[in-house]
Amino acid sequence: TTVYERSIVSMRSILMEIQAARANHKLVSARKMWQLGDAIFQLINYLEKLSLKLDNLYGHLSRDLSVKKKWLEKVVILRRYIPQEVIIPESLNWGRCEKGTRRIALKLREGMPLN
C-alpha cells in the first residue's frame, strides 16, 4: 500500500505540471507524458521485486489519478516503445503523439523522421 501511495503522489505531481501547461494554453511536452509512463513502469517493477501484482492496475490508476483509462494506456504505450526520455525531441508535443502513439514511438525509437 505504501509503495502504491508514494507512486500516486509522484504521478499526481507530474499530472499537475501537465494540467498547468494546459491551463496556460501551452503545448504539453511528449517528454512529460513519457515521465508519467515511466513512473507507472517504476511502480510495476517495484511491485514485481516484492513478488506482488495489482490486478486491474490501470483501472486503479485511472480512478486514483482521475484520468481516463484509454488516455493512460496511450501514455504507457509511449513509454513502452521508447526506452529513454532523450529519444523524444524536446520540441515534440503530446498532441502530435496522441493519435498513432505506437507508430510515432516506433519511429522515434528507430530514429526515423516523423514527417
Protein backbone atom coordinates (compact mmCIF):
# COMPACT_ATOMS: atom_id res chain seq x y z
CA THR A 1 0.00 0.00 0.00
CA THR A 2 2.82 2.40 0.88
CA VAL A 3 4.58 1.83 -2.44
CA TYR A 4 1.38 2.46 -4.35
CA GLU A 5 0.59 5.63 -2.37
CA ARG A 6 4.08 7.06 -2.96
CA SER A 7 3.77 6.33 -6.66
CA ILE A 8 0.39 8.05 -6.84
CA VAL A 9 1.85 11.17 -5.18
CA SER A 10 4.67 11.22 -7.74
CA MET A 11 2.28 10.71 -10.66
CA ARG A 12 -0.07 13.42 -9.38
CA SER A 13 2.85 15.83 -9.32
CA ILE A 14 3.56 15.13 -12.99
CA LEU A 15 -0.15 15.44 -13.79
CA MET A 16 -0.25 18.83 -12.07
CA GLU A 17 2.52 20.04 -14.39
CA ILE A 18 0.58 18.72 -17.38
CA GLN A 19 -2.63 20.40 -16.21
CA ALA A 20 -0.79 23.67 -15.55
CA ALA A 21 0.53 23.69 -19.11
CA ARG A 22 -2.96 23.08 -20.46
CA ALA A 23 -4.44 25.78 -18.20
CA ASN A 24 -1.90 28.26 -19.55
CA HIS A 25 -2.77 27.23 -23.11
CA LYS A 26 0.69 25.78 -23.69
CA LEU A 27 1.50 22.61 -25.54
CA VAL A 28 2.15 19.60 -23.34
CA SER A 29 5.56 18.06 -23.88
CA ALA A 30 5.67 14.44 -25.03
CA ARG A 31 8.58 14.07 -22.62
CA LYS A 32 6.30 14.93 -19.71
CA MET A 33 3.95 12.15 -20.78
CA TRP A 34 6.91 9.79 -21.05
CA GLN A 35 7.81 10.69 -17.45
CA LEU A 36 4.31 9.77 -16.31
CA GLY A 37 4.54 6.47 -18.18
CA ASP A 38 7.95 5.85 -16.63
CA ALA A 39 6.50 6.42 -13.15
CA ILE A 40 3.96 3.69 -13.92
CA PHE A 41 6.74 1.37 -15.11
CA GLN A 42 8.69 2.06 -11.91
CA LEU A 43 5.64 1.14 -9.84
CA ILE A 44 5.16 -2.11 -11.75
CA ASN A 45 8.84 -3.01 -11.45
CA TYR A 46 8.92 -2.27 -7.74
CA LEU A 47 5.84 -4.38 -7.11
CA GLU A 48 7.39 -7.22 -9.12
CA LYS A 49 10.53 -7.06 -6.97
CA LEU A 50 8.27 -7.60 -3.98
CA SER A 51 6.60 -10.51 -5.83
CA LEU A 52 3.35 -8.55 -5.94
CA LYS A 53 0.95 -7.84 -8.74
CA LEU A 54 -2.01 -5.49 -8.61
CA ASP A 55 -4.99 -6.74 -10.60
CA ASN A 56 -6.57 -4.10 -12.84
CA LEU A 57 -3.67 -1.69 -12.24
CA TYR A 58 -4.77 0.70 -14.99
CA GLY A 59 -8.27 0.78 -13.58
CA HIS A 60 -6.93 1.70 -10.15
CA LEU A 61 -4.58 4.33 -11.58
CA SER A 62 -7.34 5.78 -13.71
CA ARG A 63 -9.55 6.13 -10.64
CA ASP A 64 -6.85 7.45 -8.29
CA LEU A 65 -5.38 9.91 -10.79
CA SER A 66 -8.78 10.99 -12.16
CA VAL A 67 -7.81 10.30 -15.77
CA LYS A 68 -9.40 8.19 -18.47
CA LYS A 69 -8.09 4.67 -18.80
CA LYS A 70 -7.69 4.96 -22.58
CA TRP A 71 -5.57 8.10 -22.17
CA LEU A 72 -3.44 6.35 -19.56
CA GLU A 73 -2.93 3.39 -21.90
CA LYS A 74 -1.56 5.76 -24.57
CA VAL A 75 0.90 7.21 -22.07
CA VAL A 76 2.06 3.68 -21.23
CA ILE A 77 2.39 2.80 -24.92
CA LEU A 78 4.68 5.80 -25.42
CA ARG A 79 6.87 4.66 -22.52
CA ARG A 80 6.81 1.01 -23.57
CA TYR A 81 8.20 1.69 -27.01
CA ILE A 82 10.64 4.45 -26.05
CA PRO A 83 13.15 3.17 -23.50
CA GLN A 84 14.84 6.53 -22.83
CA GLU A 85 13.41 10.01 -22.50
CA VAL A 86 16.27 11.56 -24.51
CA ILE A 87 14.97 9.83 -27.65
CA ILE A 88 11.99 12.20 -27.62
CA PRO A 89 12.77 15.62 -29.14
CA GLU A 90 12.24 18.42 -26.62
CA SER A 91 10.06 20.25 -29.12
CA LEU A 92 7.65 17.32 -29.63
CA ASN A 93 4.27 17.93 -28.08
CA TRP A 94 1.83 15.29 -26.85
CA GLY A 95 -0.86 16.33 -29.33
CA ARG A 96 1.40 15.11 -32.13
CA CYS A 97 1.73 11.71 -30.43
CA GLU A 98 -1.73 11.15 -29.01
CA LYS A 99 -3.18 9.69 -32.18
CA GLY A 100 -0.99 6.93 -33.52
CA THR A 101 1.06 6.76 -30.33
CA ARG A 102 2.64 3.40 -31.15
CA ARG A 103 3.53 4.41 -34.71
CA ILE A 104 5.15 7.66 -33.55
CA ALA A 105 7.01 5.91 -30.72
CA LEU A 106 8.38 3.26 -33.07
CA LYS A 107 9.57 5.94 -35.50
CA LEU A 108 11.30 7.82 -32.70
CA ARG A 109 12.91 4.66 -31.37
CA GLU A 110 14.23 3.78 -34.82
CA GLY A 111 15.46 7.34 -35.41
CA MET A 112 13.12 7.90 -38.34
CA PRO A 113 11.67 11.34 -39.18
CA LEU A 114 8.09 11.94 -38.06
CA ASN A 115 7.05 13.81 -41.23
